[in-house]
């Protein structure tokens, strides 16, 4: 897309009507538009995790995430408060609506695990049972057990006390 008029027309066709005209112009002028199946990367300002940001209010401190803004603009029927807007492309600066889904934090964590984007050690049910049995039979600290299984001592405590099993995948 070579000029602002083409970008503006594309934005209007895609329904950026929840933004003010000034915000919509700013938005489309700061996106690198490509083919519909490719990433459209935000070009203006990023946070430390490379997610695009733009000012959404009169205060310079009122910033919105570009991918959340575009998703909310195109899906006004979905209340995104408390939801995560996930990238199917795993590219934080991408604002292509075809690459964005809404979901929970847990959905996002499951995406990370399925796509191999986590440093977390995932324990199997067998490993959890082995840890519990070993912990009950031997004098071993949770820290030592954690080192043996590649997780934190706190995680071992949670497992042994049945407090949570968020990291367990069957």
Protein backbone atom coordinates (compact mmCIF):
# COMPACT_ATOMS: atom_id res chain seq x y z
CA UNK A 1 0.00 0.00 0.00
CA UNK A 2 1.61 3.15 -1.16
CA UNK A 3 -0.34 6.01 0.33
CA UNK A 4 -2.49 7.02 3.27
CA UNK A 5 -5.70 7.06 1.20
CA UNK A 6 -5.31 3.37 0.36
CA UNK A 7 -4.53 2.56 4.00
CA UNK A 8 -7.47 4.63 5.19
CA UNK A 9 -9.87 2.93 2.76
CA UNK A 10 -8.63 -0.50 3.87
CA UNK A 11 -9.12 0.46 7.52
CA UNK A 12 -12.65 1.71 6.85
CA UNK A 13 -13.48 -1.46 4.94
CA UNK A 14 -12.25 -3.50 7.92
CA UNK A 15 -14.42 -1.52 10.34
CA UNK A 16 -12.13 0.76 12.37
CA UNK A 17 -15.16 2.81 13.37
CA UNK A 18 -14.64 2.66 17.16
CA UNK A 19 -11.59 4.91 16.93
CA UNK A 20 -11.78 8.63 16.39
CA UNK A 21 -10.92 9.68 12.87
CA UNK A 22 -7.59 11.06 14.10
CA UNK A 23 -6.80 7.80 15.91
CA UNK A 24 -7.80 5.69 12.91
CA UNK A 25 -5.59 7.74 10.59
CA UNK A 26 -2.71 7.44 13.05
CA UNK A 27 -3.32 3.70 13.37
CA UNK A 28 -3.37 2.88 9.66
CA UNK A 29 -0.43 5.19 9.03
CA UNK A 30 1.66 3.16 11.47
CA UNK A 31 0.95 -0.33 10.15
CA UNK A 32 3.02 -2.06 7.52
CA UNK A 33 0.19 -3.60 5.48
CA UNK A 34 0.96 -6.75 3.50
CA UNK A 35 -1.08 -9.59 2.03
CA UNK A 36 -4.09 -10.78 4.06
CA UNK A 37 -2.30 -13.93 5.27
CA UNK A 38 0.94 -12.13 6.24
CA UNK A 39 1.77 -10.19 9.39
CA UNK A 40 0.88 -6.51 9.40
CA UNK A 41 3.47 -5.08 11.76
CA UNK A 42 2.99 -2.05 13.97
CA UNK A 43 5.66 0.53 13.13
CA UNK A 44 5.33 3.21 15.80
CA UNK A 45 6.09 2.37 19.42
CA UNK A 46 6.63 -0.95 21.20
CA UNK A 47 6.73 -2.02 24.83
CA UNK A 48 9.54 -4.19 26.22
CA UNK A 49 7.89 -7.33 24.81
CA UNK A 50 7.64 -5.77 21.31
CA UNK A 51 3.86 -5.34 21.40
CA UNK A 52 2.76 -2.21 19.56
CA UNK A 53 1.42 0.68 21.62
CA UNK A 54 -0.40 3.91 20.86
CA UNK A 55 -1.81 6.72 22.96
CA UNK A 56 -5.54 6.20 23.51
CA UNK A 57 -6.41 9.17 25.68
CA UNK A 58 -5.53 12.78 26.36
CA UNK A 59 -2.80 11.83 28.81
CA UNK A 60 0.53 10.70 27.35
CA UNK A 61 0.45 7.93 29.96
CA UNK A 62 -2.80 6.42 28.61
CA UNK A 63 -1.45 3.78 26.21
CA UNK A 64 -3.24 0.95 24.48
CA UNK A 65 -1.82 -2.15 22.87
CA UNK A 66 -2.19 -1.93 19.09
CA UNK A 67 -3.34 -5.55 18.63
CA UNK A 68 -6.00 -5.10 21.35
CA UNK A 69 -7.18 -1.85 19.76
CA UNK A 70 -7.64 -3.40 16.33
CA UNK A 71 -9.32 -6.50 17.77
CA UNK A 72 -11.75 -4.43 19.88
CA UNK A 73 -12.49 -2.14 16.93
CA UNK A 74 -13.35 -5.03 14.66
CA UNK A 75 -15.21 -7.06 17.31
CA UNK A 76 -17.29 -4.55 19.31
CA UNK A 77 -19.64 -7.33 20.43
CA UNK A 78 -16.82 -8.95 22.43
CA UNK A 79 -15.93 -7.39 25.77
CA UNK A 80 -12.17 -7.90 25.90
CA UNK A 81 -11.73 -6.66 29.47
CA UNK A 82 -10.02 -9.47 31.35
CA UNK A 83 -9.28 -11.37 28.14
CA UNK A 84 -6.01 -11.88 26.32
CA UNK A 85 -5.75 -11.14 22.61
CA UNK A 86 -3.61 -13.96 21.25
CA UNK A 87 -1.48 -14.03 18.10
CA UNK A 88 -1.76 -17.14 15.94
CA UNK A 89 1.47 -15.99 14.26
CA UNK A 90 3.44 -15.59 17.54
CA UNK A 91 4.60 -12.17 16.30
CA UNK A 92 3.97 -9.48 18.99
CA UNK A 93 4.02 -6.43 16.65
CA UNK A 94 1.46 -8.04 14.30
CA UNK A 95 -1.95 -6.33 14.13
CA UNK A 96 -3.42 -8.36 11.26
CA UNK A 97 -6.98 -9.16 12.41
CA UNK A 98 -6.71 -12.55 10.68
CA UNK A 99 -3.95 -13.47 13.15
CA UNK A 100 -5.76 -12.40 16.35
CA UNK A 101 -7.97 -14.44 18.68
CA UNK A 102 -9.45 -13.66 22.06
CA UNK A 103 -9.07 -16.03 24.99
CA UNK A 104 -8.08 -16.43 28.59
CA UNK A 105 -4.65 -16.28 30.15
CA UNK A 106 -4.78 -20.07 30.37
CA UNK A 107 -5.51 -20.28 26.63
CA UNK A 108 -2.45 -18.13 26.01
CA UNK A 109 -0.28 -20.30 28.25
CA UNK A 110 -1.53 -23.42 26.45
CA UNK A 111 -0.59 -21.77 23.13
CA UNK A 112 2.91 -21.14 24.47
CA UNK A 113 3.30 -24.74 25.58
CA UNK A 114 1.91 -26.24 22.35
CA UNK A 115 4.17 -24.03 20.23
CA UNK A 116 7.28 -24.61 22.34
CA UNK A 117 7.61 -20.97 23.44
CA UNK A 118 8.06 -21.61 27.15
CA UNK A 119 11.02 -22.32 29.37
CA UNK A 120 8.75 -24.04 31.86
CA UNK A 121 9.31 -27.70 32.55
CA UNK A 122 6.10 -29.62 32.05
CA UNK A 123 5.72 -32.60 34.35
CA UNK A 124 3.78 -35.68 33.36
CA UNK A 125 1.29 -37.29 35.75
CA UNK A 126 3.77 -40.13 36.23
CA UNK A 127 6.47 -37.67 37.29
CA UNK A 128 4.07 -35.97 39.70
CA UNK A 129 3.19 -39.30 41.33
CA UNK A 130 6.88 -40.25 41.50
CA UNK A 131 7.71 -36.92 43.15
CA UNK A 132 4.94 -37.38 45.73
CA UNK A 133 5.99 -40.95 46.54
CA UNK A 134 9.66 -40.01 46.78
CA UNK A 135 8.87 -37.00 48.93
CA UNK A 136 6.79 -39.14 51.31
CA UNK A 137 9.37 -41.94 51.59
CA UNK A 138 12.71 -40.09 51.63
CA UNK A 139 14.08 -37.20 53.55
CA UNK A 140 14.58 -34.84 50.65
CA UNK A 141 13.92 -31.14 50.47
CA UNK A 142 11.58 -29.67 47.91
CA UNK A 143 14.54 -27.73 46.54
CA UNK A 144 16.57 -30.92 46.00
CA UNK A 145 13.60 -32.67 44.43
CA UNK A 146 12.99 -29.65 42.20
CA UNK A 147 16.59 -29.71 41.01
CA UNK A 148 16.21 -33.40 40.11
CA UNK A 149 13.11 -32.70 38.00
CA UNK A 150 14.03 -29.30 36.59
CA UNK A 151 11.38 -27.30 38.44
CA UNK A 152 11.42 -24.96 41.41
CA UNK A 153 11.22 -26.08 45.01
CA UNK A 154 8.02 -24.04 45.32
CA UNK A 155 6.50 -26.06 42.49
CA UNK A 156 7.37 -29.28 44.35
CA UNK A 157 5.70 -27.92 47.51
CA UNK A 158 2.55 -27.15 45.55
CA UNK A 159 2.50 -30.63 44.06
CA UNK A 160 3.12 -32.41 47.35
CA UNK A 161 0.47 -30.36 49.15
CA UNK A 162 -1.99 -30.66 46.23
CA UNK A 163 -2.29 -26.89 46.05
CA UNK A 164 -2.20 -26.63 42.27
CA UNK A 165 -1.32 -28.64 39.23
CA UNK A 166 -1.21 -25.93 36.55
CA UNK A 167 2.06 -27.21 35.13
CA UNK A 168 0.89 -30.77 34.70
CA UNK A 169 -0.03 -31.90 31.23
CA UNK A 170 -1.27 -35.39 30.53
